[in-house]
Each structure stands twice: as structure tokens, then as C-alpha cells.
C-alpha atoms as a PDB file:
ATOM      1  CA  MET A   1       2.455  26.583  11.686  1.00  0.00           C
ATOM      2  CA  LYS A   2       2.028  23.667  14.100  1.00  0.00           C
ATOM      3  CA  PRO A   3       2.595  20.171  12.755  1.00  0.00           C
ATOM      4  CA  THR A   4      -0.550  18.079  12.498  1.00  0.00           C
ATOM      5  CA  GLN A   5      -0.452  15.480  15.218  1.00  0.00           C
ATOM      6  CA  PHE A   6      -0.256  11.856  14.174  1.00  0.00           C
ATOM      7  CA  LEU A   7      -3.412   9.822  14.691  1.00  0.00           C
ATOM      8  CA  ALA A   8      -2.597   6.584  16.426  1.00  0.00           C
ATOM      9  CA  ALA A   9      -6.167   5.303  16.667  1.00  0.00           C
ATOM     10  CA  GLY A  10      -6.846   2.296  14.451  1.00  0.00           C
ATOM     11  CA  PHE A  11      -9.225   2.372  11.540  1.00  0.00           C
ATOM     12  CA  VAL A  12     -12.499   0.487  11.663  1.00  0.00           C
ATOM     13  CA  ALA A  13     -13.275  -2.421   9.389  1.00  0.00           C
ATOM     14  CA  MET A  14      -9.741  -3.128   8.350  1.00  0.00           C
ATOM     15  CA  THR A  15      -9.691  -5.803   5.684  1.00  0.00           C
ATOM     16  CA  LEU A  16      -6.514  -7.615   4.798  1.00  0.00           C
ATOM     17  CA  ILE A  17      -5.861  -9.058   1.376  1.00  0.00           C
ATOM     18  CA  GLY A  18      -3.110 -11.527   0.738  1.00  0.00           C
ATOM     19  CA  GLY A  19      -2.025 -12.375   4.287  1.00  0.00           C
ATOM     20  CA  CYS A  20      -0.193  -9.323   5.601  1.00  0.00           C
ATOM     21  CA  GLY A  21       1.533 -10.890   8.549  1.00  0.00           C
ATOM     22  CA  SER A  22       1.220 -11.556  12.273  1.00  0.00           C
ATOM     23  CA  ASP A  23       1.523  -7.859  13.141  1.00  0.00           C
ATOM     24  CA  GLN A  24      -2.034  -7.330  11.938  1.00  0.00           C
ATOM     25  CA  LYS A  25      -5.161  -7.433  14.109  1.00  0.00           C
ATOM     26  CA  ALA A  26      -6.391 -10.992  14.729  1.00  0.00           C
ATOM     27  CA  ASP A  27      -9.984 -10.088  13.901  1.00  0.00           C
ATOM     28  CA  ALA A  28      -9.156  -8.776  10.420  1.00  0.00           C
ATOM     29  CA  THR A  29     -10.989 -10.467   7.620  1.00  0.00           C
ATOM     30  CA  ARG A  30      -9.065 -12.085   4.726  1.00  0.00           C
ATOM     31  CA  VAL A  31     -11.056 -11.638   1.539  1.00  0.00           C
ATOM     32  CA  GLY A  32      -8.764 -12.434  -1.346  1.00  0.00           C
ATOM     33  CA  ASN A  33      -5.276 -12.627  -2.740  1.00  0.00           C
ATOM     34  CA  VAL A  34      -3.379 -11.923  -5.907  1.00  0.00           C
ATOM     35  CA  SER A  35      -0.671 -14.441  -6.721  1.00  0.00           C
ATOM     36  CA  THR A  36       2.170 -11.908  -6.976  1.00  0.00           C
ATOM     37  CA  ALA A  37       1.313  -9.449  -4.191  1.00  0.00           C
ATOM     38  CA  SER A  38       0.003  -9.120  -0.701  1.00  0.00           C
ATOM     39  CA  TYR A  39      -1.698  -5.962   0.392  1.00  0.00           C
ATOM     40  CA  GLY A  40      -4.116  -4.495   2.937  1.00  0.00           C
ATOM     41  CA  VAL A  41      -7.203  -2.511   2.151  1.00  0.00           C
ATOM     42  CA  LEU A  42      -9.837  -0.388   3.908  1.00  0.00           C
ATOM     43  CA  PRO A  43     -12.742  -0.485   1.376  1.00  0.00           C
ATOM     44  CA  GLY A  44     -14.589   2.710   0.593  1.00  0.00           C
ATOM     45  CA  SER A  45     -16.954   3.666  -2.220  1.00  0.00           C
ATOM     46  CA  PRO A  46     -16.178   1.861  -5.519  1.00  0.00           C
ATOM     47  CA  ALA A  47     -16.970   5.142  -7.329  1.00  0.00           C
ATOM     48  CA  LYS A  48     -14.264   6.973  -5.429  1.00  0.00           C
ATOM     49  CA  PRO A  49     -10.526   6.942  -6.142  1.00  0.00           C
ATOM     50  CA  LEU A  50      -8.098   4.535  -4.581  1.00  0.00           C
ATOM     51  CA  ALA A  51      -5.289   5.855  -2.277  1.00  0.00           C
ATOM     52  CA  LEU A  52      -2.147   3.818  -1.725  1.00  0.00           C
ATOM     53  CA  VAL A  53      -0.193   4.608   1.437  1.00  0.00           C
ATOM     54  CA  PHE A  54       3.553   4.018   1.721  1.00  0.00           C
ATOM     55  CA  THR A  55       5.225   4.246   5.145  1.00  0.00           C
ATOM     56  CA  THR A  56       6.785   1.011   6.403  1.00  0.00           C
ATOM     57  CA  ASP A  57       4.678  -2.134   6.534  1.00  0.00           C
ATOM     58  CA  VAL A  58       0.993  -2.625   5.699  1.00  0.00           C
ATOM     59  CA  ALA A  59      -0.182  -2.318   9.296  1.00  0.00           C
ATOM     60  CA  ASN A  60       1.528   0.999   9.998  1.00  0.00           C
ATOM     61  CA  SER A  61       0.397   2.363   6.621  1.00  0.00           C
ATOM     62  CA  LEU A  62      -3.259   1.629   7.415  1.00  0.00           C
ATOM     63  CA  ASN A  63      -3.539   2.433  11.088  1.00  0.00           C
ATOM     64  CA  GLY A  64      -2.654   6.129  10.935  1.00  0.00           C
ATOM     65  CA  THR A  65       0.639   5.819  12.828  1.00  0.00           C
ATOM     66  CA  PHE A  66       2.537   8.040  10.384  1.00  0.00           C
ATOM     67  CA  THR A  67      -0.120  10.014   8.510  1.00  0.00           C
ATOM     68  CA  SER A  68      -3.652  11.241   9.043  1.00  0.00           C
ATOM     69  CA  VAL A  69      -4.219  12.049   5.366  1.00  0.00           C
ATOM     70  CA  SER A  70      -5.586   8.608   4.602  1.00  0.00           C
ATOM     71  CA  LYS A  71      -8.124   8.842   7.434  1.00  0.00           C
ATOM     72  CA  THR A  72      -9.488  12.061   5.912  1.00  0.00           C
ATOM     73  CA  LEU A  73      -9.682  10.446   2.486  1.00  0.00           C
ATOM     74  CA  GLN A  74     -11.355   7.370   3.971  1.00  0.00           C
ATOM     75  CA  ALA A  75     -14.031   9.585   5.518  1.00  0.00           C
ATOM     76  CA  ALA A  76     -14.602  11.041   2.012  1.00  0.00           C
ATOM     77  CA  GLY A  77     -15.242   7.560   0.608  1.00  0.00           C
ATOM     78  CA  TYR A  78     -11.796   6.724  -0.768  1.00  0.00           C
ATOM     79  CA  THR A  79     -10.567   3.148  -0.641  1.00  0.00           C
ATOM     80  CA  ILE A  80      -7.273   3.052   1.244  1.00  0.00           C
ATOM     81  CA  ALA A  81      -4.684   0.323   0.460  1.00  0.00           C
ATOM     82  CA  ALA A  82      -1.119  -0.405   1.281  1.00  0.00           C
ATOM     83  CA  VAL A  83       1.763  -2.782   0.424  1.00  0.00           C
ATOM     84  CA  ASP A  84       4.854  -3.542   2.432  1.00  0.00           C
ATOM     85  CA  VAL A  85       7.661  -1.109   1.559  1.00  0.00           C
ATOM     86  CA  THR A  86      10.951  -2.699   0.659  1.00  0.00           C
ATOM     87  CA  CYS A  87      12.680  -4.174   3.747  1.00  0.00           C
ATOM     88  CA  HIS A  88       9.527  -4.083   5.853  1.00  0.00           C
ATOM     89  CA  GLY A  89       6.748  -6.539   6.681  1.00  0.00           C
ATOM     90  CA  GLN A  90       6.676  -9.612   4.549  1.00  0.00           C
ATOM     91  CA  ASP A  91       9.370  -8.199   2.251  1.00  0.00           C
ATOM     92  CA  LEU A  92      11.991  -8.836   4.973  1.00  0.00           C
ATOM     93  CA  GLN A  93      14.242 -11.750   4.336  1.00  0.00           C
ATOM     94  CA  ALA A  94      15.856 -14.098   6.879  1.00  0.00           C
ATOM     95  CA  GLY A  95      18.533 -12.331   8.876  1.00  0.00           C
ATOM     96  CA  GLU A  96      17.452  -8.825   7.869  1.00  0.00           C
ATOM     97  CA  THR A  97      16.347  -5.971  10.159  1.00  0.00           C
ATOM     98  CA  ALA A  98      13.583  -3.697   8.965  1.00  0.00           C
ATOM     99  CA  GLY A  99      14.736  -0.199   8.034  1.00  0.00           C
ATOM    100  CA  LEU A 100      16.909   1.889   5.802  1.00  0.00           C
ATOM    101  CA  GLY A 101      20.026  -0.017   6.800  1.00  0.00           C
ATOM    102  CA  CYS A 102      18.459  -2.990   4.997  1.00  0.00           C
ATOM    103  CA  TRP A 103      17.980  -0.763   1.914  1.00  0.00           C
ATOM    104  CA  ALA A 104      21.645   0.146   1.978  1.00  0.00           C
ATOM    105  CA  THR A 105      22.767  -3.453   2.401  1.00  0.00           C
ATOM    106  CA  ARG A 106      20.655  -4.683  -0.475  1.00  0.00           C
ATOM    107  CA  VAL A 107      21.797  -1.896  -2.749  1.00  0.00           C
ATOM    108  CA  GLN A 108      25.430  -2.599  -1.889  1.00  0.00           C
ATOM    109  CA  GLN A 109      24.938  -6.280  -2.740  1.00  0.00           C
ATOM    110  CA  GLY A 110      24.059  -5.213  -6.270  1.00  0.00           C
ATOM    111  CA  ASN A 111      21.476  -7.797  -7.146  1.00  0.00           C
ATOM    112  CA  GLY A 112      19.305  -5.598  -9.338  1.00  0.00           C
ATOM    113  CA  ASP A 113      16.721  -2.949  -8.430  1.00  0.00           C
ATOM    114  CA  ILE A 114      15.728  -3.688  -4.828  1.00  0.00           C
ATOM    115  CA  PHE A 115      12.450  -1.741  -5.238  1.00  0.00           C
ATOM    116  CA  ALA A 116      11.160  -3.600  -8.283  1.00  0.00           C
ATOM    117  CA  PRO A 117       9.206  -6.198  -6.270  1.00  0.00           C
ATOM    118  CA  MET A 118       7.497  -3.506  -4.191  1.00  0.00           C
ATOM    119  CA  VAL A 119       6.606  -1.527  -7.310  1.00  0.00           C
ATOM    120  CA  LYS A 120       5.048  -4.652  -8.825  1.00  0.00           C
ATOM    121  CA  ARG A 121       3.120  -5.349  -5.607  1.00  0.00           C
ATOM    122  CA  ALA A 122       1.646  -1.866  -5.771  1.00  0.00           C
ATOM    123  CA  SER A 123       0.600  -2.207  -9.446  1.00  0.00           C
ATOM    124  CA  ASP A 124      -0.816  -5.666  -8.800  1.00  0.00           C
ATOM    125  CA  ALA A 125      -2.802  -4.338  -5.842  1.00  0.00           C
ATOM    126  CA  ILE A 126      -4.332  -1.600  -8.017  1.00  0.00           C
ATOM    127  CA  SER A 127      -5.216  -4.095 -10.720  1.00  0.00           C
ATOM    128  CA  ASP A 128      -6.755  -6.545  -8.241  1.00  0.00           C
ATOM    129  CA  LEU A 129      -8.865  -3.945  -6.464  1.00  0.00           C
ATOM    130  CA  VAL A 130     -10.142  -2.576  -9.738  1.00  0.00           C
ATOM    131  CA  ALA A 131     -10.883  -6.117 -11.038  1.00  0.00           C
ATOM    132  CA  LYS A 132     -12.807  -6.909  -7.864  1.00  0.00           C
ATOM    133  CA  GLY A 133     -14.828  -3.678  -8.194  1.00  0.00           C
ATOM    134  CA  VAL A 134     -13.544  -2.435  -4.855  1.00  0.00           C
ATOM    135  CA  ALA A 135     -12.149   0.817  -6.189  1.00  0.00           C
ATOM    136  CA  SER A 136     -11.834   2.994  -9.272  1.00  0.00           C
ATOM    137  CA  GLY A 137      -8.567   2.797 -11.107  1.00  0.00           C
ATOM    138  CA  VAL A 138      -8.876   6.414 -12.239  1.00  0.00           C
ATOM    139  CA  ASP A 139      -6.413   8.931 -10.733  1.00  0.00           C
ATOM    140  CA  VAL A 140      -5.037   6.676  -8.029  1.00  0.00           C
ATOM    141  CA  VAL A 141      -3.430   8.644  -5.165  1.00  0.00           C
ATOM    142  CA  ALA A 142      -0.055   7.675  -3.718  1.00  0.00           C
ATOM    143  CA  ILE A 143       0.778   8.993  -0.265  1.00  0.00           C
ATOM    144  CA  GLY A 144       4.370   8.597   0.930  1.00  0.00           C
ATOM    145  CA  VAL A 145       5.867   9.508   4.282  1.00  0.00           C
ATOM    146  CA  SER A 146       9.660   9.821   4.649  1.00  0.00           C
ATOM    147  CA  ARG A 147      11.108   6.606   3.118  1.00  0.00           C
ATOM    148  CA  GLY A 148       7.591   5.989   1.856  1.00  0.00           C
ATOM    149  CA  GLY A 149       7.896   9.110  -0.260  1.00  0.00           C
ATOM    150  CA  TYR A 150      10.628   7.531  -2.333  1.00  0.00           C
ATOM    151  CA  ALA A 151       8.565   4.349  -2.509  1.00  0.00           C
ATOM    152  CA  ALA A 152       5.498   6.260  -3.668  1.00  0.00           C
ATOM    153  CA  LEU A 153       7.483   8.028  -6.386  1.00  0.00           C
ATOM    154  CA  ARG A 154       8.931   4.772  -7.644  1.00  0.00           C
ATOM    155  CA  ALA A 155       5.443   3.271  -7.792  1.00  0.00           C
ATOM    156  CA  ALA A 156       4.074   6.348  -9.595  1.00  0.00           C
ATOM    157  CA  ALA A 157       6.843   6.328 -12.173  1.00  0.00           C
ATOM    158  CA  ALA A 158       6.036   2.725 -13.016  1.00  0.00           C
ATOM    159  CA  ASP A 159       2.217   2.975 -13.086  1.00  0.00           C
ATOM    160  CA  SER A 160       0.459   5.753 -15.003  1.00  0.00           C
ATOM    161  CA  ARG A 161      -2.756   5.066 -13.121  1.00  0.00           C
ATOM    162  CA  ILE A 162      -1.202   6.928 -10.177  1.00  0.00           C
ATOM    163  CA  GLY A 163      -2.038  10.500 -11.100  1.00  0.00           C
ATOM    164  CA  THR A 164      -1.646  12.255  -7.743  1.00  0.00           C
ATOM    165  CA  VAL A 165       1.272  11.968  -5.293  1.00  0.00           C
ATOM    166  CA  VAL A 166       1.534  13.383  -1.775  1.00  0.00           C
ATOM    167  CA  LEU A 167       5.002  13.469  -0.248  1.00  0.00           C
ATOM    168  CA  LEU A 168       5.501  14.225   3.450  1.00  0.00           C
ATOM    169  CA  SER A 169       9.129  14.825   4.378  1.00  0.00           C
ATOM    170  CA  PRO A 170      10.188  12.449   1.600  1.00  0.00           C
ATOM    171  CA  VAL A 171      13.407  10.693   0.808  1.00  0.00           C
ATOM    172  CA  THR A 172      14.351  11.962  -2.636  1.00  0.00           C
ATOM    173  CA  ASP A 173      18.009  10.951  -2.804  1.00  0.00           C
ATOM    174  CA  LEU A 174      19.236   7.655  -1.313  1.00  0.00           C
ATOM    175  CA  ALA A 175      22.785   8.957  -1.193  1.00  0.00           C
ATOM    176  CA  ARG A 176      21.667  11.649   1.333  1.00  0.00           C
ATOM    177  CA  LEU A 177      20.734   9.032   3.925  1.00  0.00           C
ATOM    178  CA  THR A 178      23.314   8.255   6.633  1.00  0.00           C
ATOM    179  CA  GLU A 179      22.827   4.553   6.035  1.00  0.00           C
ATOM    180  CA  PHE A 180      24.244   5.003   2.482  1.00  0.00           C
ATOM    181  CA  ARG A 181      27.383   6.797   3.629  1.00  0.00           C
ATOM    182  CA  GLY A 182      30.315   5.219   1.758  1.00  0.00           C
ATOM    183  CA  ILE A 183      28.024   3.290  -0.583  1.00  0.00           C
ATOM    184  CA  VAL A 184      27.974   4.059  -4.279  1.00  0.00           C
ATOM    185  CA  VAL A 185      24.369   4.493  -5.397  1.00  0.00           C
ATOM    186  CA  ASP A 186      23.730   3.676  -9.045  1.00  0.00           C
ATOM    187  CA  GLN A 187      21.777   6.740 -10.098  1.00  0.00           C
ATOM    188  CA  SER A 188      20.795   5.155 -13.384  1.00  0.00           C
ATOM    189  CA  MET A 189      18.806   2.654 -11.310  1.00  0.00           C
ATOM    190  CA  TYR A 190      17.845   4.572  -8.225  1.00  0.00           C
ATOM    191  CA  GLY A 191      17.941   8.281  -9.187  1.00  0.00           C
ATOM    192  CA  LEU A 192      14.509   9.948  -9.361  1.00  0.00           C
ATOM    193  CA  ALA A 193      15.814  12.286 -12.087  1.00  0.00           C
ATOM    194  CA  ASN A 194      15.306   9.471 -14.550  1.00  0.00           C
ATOM    195  CA  ASP A 195      11.532  10.030 -14.215  1.00  0.00           C
ATOM    196  CA  PHE A 196      11.291  13.803 -13.871  1.00  0.00           C
ATOM    197  CA  ALA A 197       9.417  14.042 -17.199  1.00  0.00           C
ATOM    198  CA  LYS A 198       6.827  11.545 -15.927  1.00  0.00           C
ATOM    199  CA  PHE A 199       6.414  13.370 -12.635  1.00  0.00           C
ATOM    200  CA  ALA A 200       5.901  16.657 -14.499  1.00  0.00           C
ATOM    201  CA  GLY A 201       2.639  15.210 -15.794  1.00  0.00           C
ATOM    202  CA  ARG A 202       1.304  14.268 -12.365  1.00  0.00           C
ATOM    203  CA  ARG A 203      -0.189  16.297  -9.503  1.00  0.00           C
ATOM    204  CA  ILE A 204       2.350  16.435  -6.682  1.00  0.00           C
ATOM    205  CA  PHE A 205       2.111  17.912  -3.208  1.00  0.00           C
ATOM    206  CA  MET A 206       5.311  17.980  -1.106  1.00  0.00           C
ATOM    207  CA  GLN A 207       5.914  19.072   2.453  1.00  0.00           C
ATOM    208  CA  ILE A 208       9.404  19.370   3.795  1.00  0.00           C
ATOM    209  CA  GLY A 209      10.741  20.963   6.962  1.00  0.00           C
ATOM    210  CA  ASN A 210      13.057  23.929   6.562  1.00  0.00           C
ATOM    211  CA  SER A 211      15.845  22.085   8.330  1.00  0.00           C
ATOM    212  CA  ASP A 212      15.381  18.367   7.728  1.00  0.00           C
ATOM    213  CA  ASP A 213      18.694  16.756   8.635  1.00  0.00           C
ATOM    214  CA  ARG A 214      17.438  13.220   7.880  1.00  0.00           C
ATOM    215  CA  VAL A 215      16.262  13.232   4.265  1.00  0.00           C
ATOM    216  CA  GLY A 216      17.599  16.660   3.370  1.00  0.00           C
ATOM    217  CA  THR A 217      15.624  19.847   2.711  1.00  0.00           C
ATOM    218  CA  ALA A 218      17.923  20.866  -0.126  1.00  0.00           C
ATOM    219  CA  GLU A 219      17.552  17.505  -1.789  1.00  0.00           C
ATOM    220  CA  ALA A 220      13.732  17.672  -1.627  1.00  0.00           C
ATOM    221  CA  ILE A 221      13.687  21.176  -3.059  1.00  0.00           C
ATOM    222  CA  SER A 222      16.107  20.150  -5.793  1.00  0.00           C
ATOM    223  CA  PHE A 223      13.746  17.298  -6.691  1.00  0.00           C
ATOM    224  CA  GLY A 224      10.859  19.758  -7.069  1.00  0.00           C
ATOM    225  CA  VAL A 225      12.939  22.124  -9.211  1.00  0.00           C
ATOM    226  CA  GLY A 226      13.960  19.207 -11.443  1.00  0.00           C
ATOM    227  CA  VAL A 227      10.377  18.069 -11.956  1.00  0.00           C
ATOM    228  CA  VAL A 228       9.192  21.565 -12.848  1.00  0.00           C
ATOM    229  CA  ALA A 229      12.122  22.057 -15.237  1.00  0.00           C
ATOM    230  CA  ALA A 230      11.189  18.792 -16.960  1.00  0.00           C
ATOM    231  CA  GLY A 231       7.821  20.417 -17.804  1.00  0.00           C
ATOM    232  CA  ALA A 232       9.753  22.483 -20.350  1.00  0.00           C
ATOM    233  CA  GLY A 233       7.741  25.649 -19.662  1.00  0.00           C
ATOM    234  CA  ASN A 234       4.356  23.980 -19.540  1.00  0.00           C
ATOM    235  CA  PRO A 235       2.219  24.224 -16.409  1.00  0.00           C
ATOM    236  CA  VAL A 236       3.345  21.662 -13.784  1.00  0.00           C
ATOM    237  CA  ASP A 237       0.970  20.992 -10.862  1.00  0.00           C
ATOM    238  CA  PHE A 238       3.584  20.772  -8.086  1.00  0.00           C
ATOM    239  CA  THR A 239       2.717  22.310  -4.761  1.00  0.00           C
ATOM    240  CA  THR A 240       5.520  22.651  -2.183  1.00  0.00           C
ATOM    241  CA  ILE A 241       5.145  23.693   1.410  1.00  0.00           C
ATOM    242  CA  ILE A 242       8.257  24.381   3.489  1.00  0.00           C
ATOM    243  CA  THR A 243       7.307  24.154   7.129  1.00  0.00           C
ATOM    244  CA  PRO A 244       9.186  25.454  10.196  1.00  0.00           C
ATOM    245  CA  ASN A 245      10.258  22.052  11.404  1.00  0.00           C
ATOM    246  CA  LYS A 246      13.643  21.520  13.055  1.00  0.00           C
ATOM    247  CA  GLY A 247      14.766  18.048  12.240  1.00  0.00           C
ATOM    248  CA  HIS A 248      12.825  15.311  10.503  1.00  0.00           C
ATOM    249  CA  GLY A 249       9.055  15.457  10.959  1.00  0.00           C
ATOM    250  CA  THR A 250       5.835  15.939   8.991  1.00  0.00           C
ATOM    251  CA  ALA A 251       3.337  18.777   9.071  1.00  0.00           C
ATOM    252  CA  SER A 252       0.551  20.251   6.947  1.00  0.00           C
ATOM    253  CA  GLN A 253      -1.265  16.930   6.711  1.00  0.00           C
ATOM    254  CA  ASP A 254      -4.712  18.529   6.826  1.00  0.00           C
ATOM    255  CA  ILE A 255      -3.631  20.817   4.007  1.00  0.00           C
ATOM    256  CA  ALA A 256      -2.392  17.859   1.994  1.00  0.00           C
ATOM    257  CA  ALA A 257      -5.721  16.010   2.424  1.00  0.00           C
ATOM    258  CA  GLN A 258      -7.751  19.023   1.371  1.00  0.00           C
ATOM    259  CA  TRP A 259      -5.438  19.564  -1.619  1.00  0.00           C
ATOM    260  CA  ILE A 260      -6.229  16.069  -2.781  1.00  0.00           C
ATOM    261  CA  LEU A 261      -9.969  16.505  -2.327  1.00  0.00           C
ATOM    262  CA  LYS A 262     -10.021  19.933  -3.986  1.00  0.00           C
ATOM    263  CA  GLY A 263      -8.553  18.639  -7.253  1.00  0.00           C
ATOM    264  CA  PRO A 264      -6.441  20.460  -9.846  1.00  0.00           C
ATOM    265  CA  GLU A 265      -5.931  24.196  -9.631  1.00  0.00           C
ATOM    266  CA  SER A 266      -7.255  26.333 -12.469  1.00  0.00           C
ATOM    267  CA  ASP A 267      -5.364  29.259 -13.954  1.00  0.00           C
ATOM    268  CA  SER A 268      -5.918  32.168 -11.579  1.00  0.00           C
ATOM    269  CA  GLY A 269      -4.782  34.920 -13.944  1.00  0.00           C
ATOM    270  CA  ASN A 270      -1.739  37.034 -14.635  1.00  0.00           C
ATOM    271  CA  ALA A 271       0.632  38.651 -12.128  1.00  0.00           C
ATOM    272  CA  PRO A 272       2.064  42.155 -12.573  1.00  0.00           C
END
């Protein structure tokens, strides 16, 4: 299986909401703002679902640098939106450098949940887009790539309007990252296991390479097993694809997009 190539071409008609920074295109139109969050949006059909993309900053989440899934959804009428992931874009503070090293430093400083502001930005963006009639708030999709996978899951755990989650080579355990080596991670605050029962009630698609030495193949599979177990024997809509990737990289993006568009699977019958 060959990895789907990343699409670097920019989207048309990018609209920015809330002032997303100087890294955005100068001709982008500013159309509104919510007081507690800044976000970017590519408007689609108001009758179609909203998809939130989590990669790094707003610009890279909307321009297709890290995932082509959102472009496929946009072509199908979805509204595509994004917020800055923690330690990226406008979330960066003076003296910080964007990236996972910033995550580790903030966690080590111990000043509360470092992802709480991002989670709130995501929920505020959903509420604002729904209030403005830009998108439907029914079955919002969260798409997360690598570090954005962890961000998407944190957002989904906090907002029940996110009913579908796509994870491409996701971070599922902060302690697995090299940046966190030697740092004690408070699992009561940052562990995804706290929300396995919530995730068991969502539709989840996960792609992970068979030898991902960055985010950890074993950790991703363990996450999936934990979510399914939390379903306590009930059907759990969790699709996992393990792709023949050496190292850290995404694949199966076309499959992920079609999985979203197809909708929930029905019971296909008994096996011998």
C-alpha cells in the first residue's frame, strides 16, 4: 500500500476568523471573531457537517500540508475549520519555539492542563460557526495528524458534538515522545485512558505505520484496544489500519476520507 501523497496546493476561498496570524495569506478575508477563540474556516454547505483539522497552526491545518482528507471533505460540501494546536501559531508565548519540546516544557512547569485553552478554542469555534449558520453542529468531525491526533482526541473528549474522529499516525501517549524523556507525565491529567468510555461511543478511524518510531505503533494499538474494551462488549465503531510504513508517516488518507463520507457500518452478519 503506497502512502497517499500530501497535497501542498492551497485551498481556494480561505476565510479567516479571529485573526490567525501573519503566516496566513494576505488576501484572506476576516469575517468575524469570538471573544475567546481564534480560528480559520473554509466555508462549505451549511447543511453539511463541520470538520475540524488539527495539525500544527491554523494555516498548515487548512492548506493541505499534512493531510488531504479535508480537501476531499471540502469537495463534498463540508465546512473545514481549524484552531492553533497548543504551542503553535498564536498559542505560542514569548520565548517559546513551536513544537513538542514546548509541550514538554509546559507540562514540566506544572501550571495546569496545557491543552485546556486549545480545547476551549475548538468548542468555541464550533459554537460560533453553528450560531452564524456557517455549518451544522451535528456529528462534527475531528481530523488529527500526529501531534494533532492527541489534540483531536482531547477536543472530542470535551465536546460531545464531535462524533467522528480520524487519527493519522497519532500521538496517543505523551510519555512515548522523545521530548518527554525524563519528564513525569501526570496521567490523571494527560492520559487518554481517562476518556476511553467516551471514545467508545464515537466513530474512530486510526491509521498507524507498522514501525512508527516517533509516536509508537504499540502505543497507538494499545489505545485502540483500550477504547474497544471500554465498550464493555457492545459494538464499538473503531476502524484501525496498520500500514507498511517504516518510521513516522501517514497513509490511507483517501480511505479515511471515504470512511467518513460512507457513514457508520451496519452489522454484516455472523462469522463461522
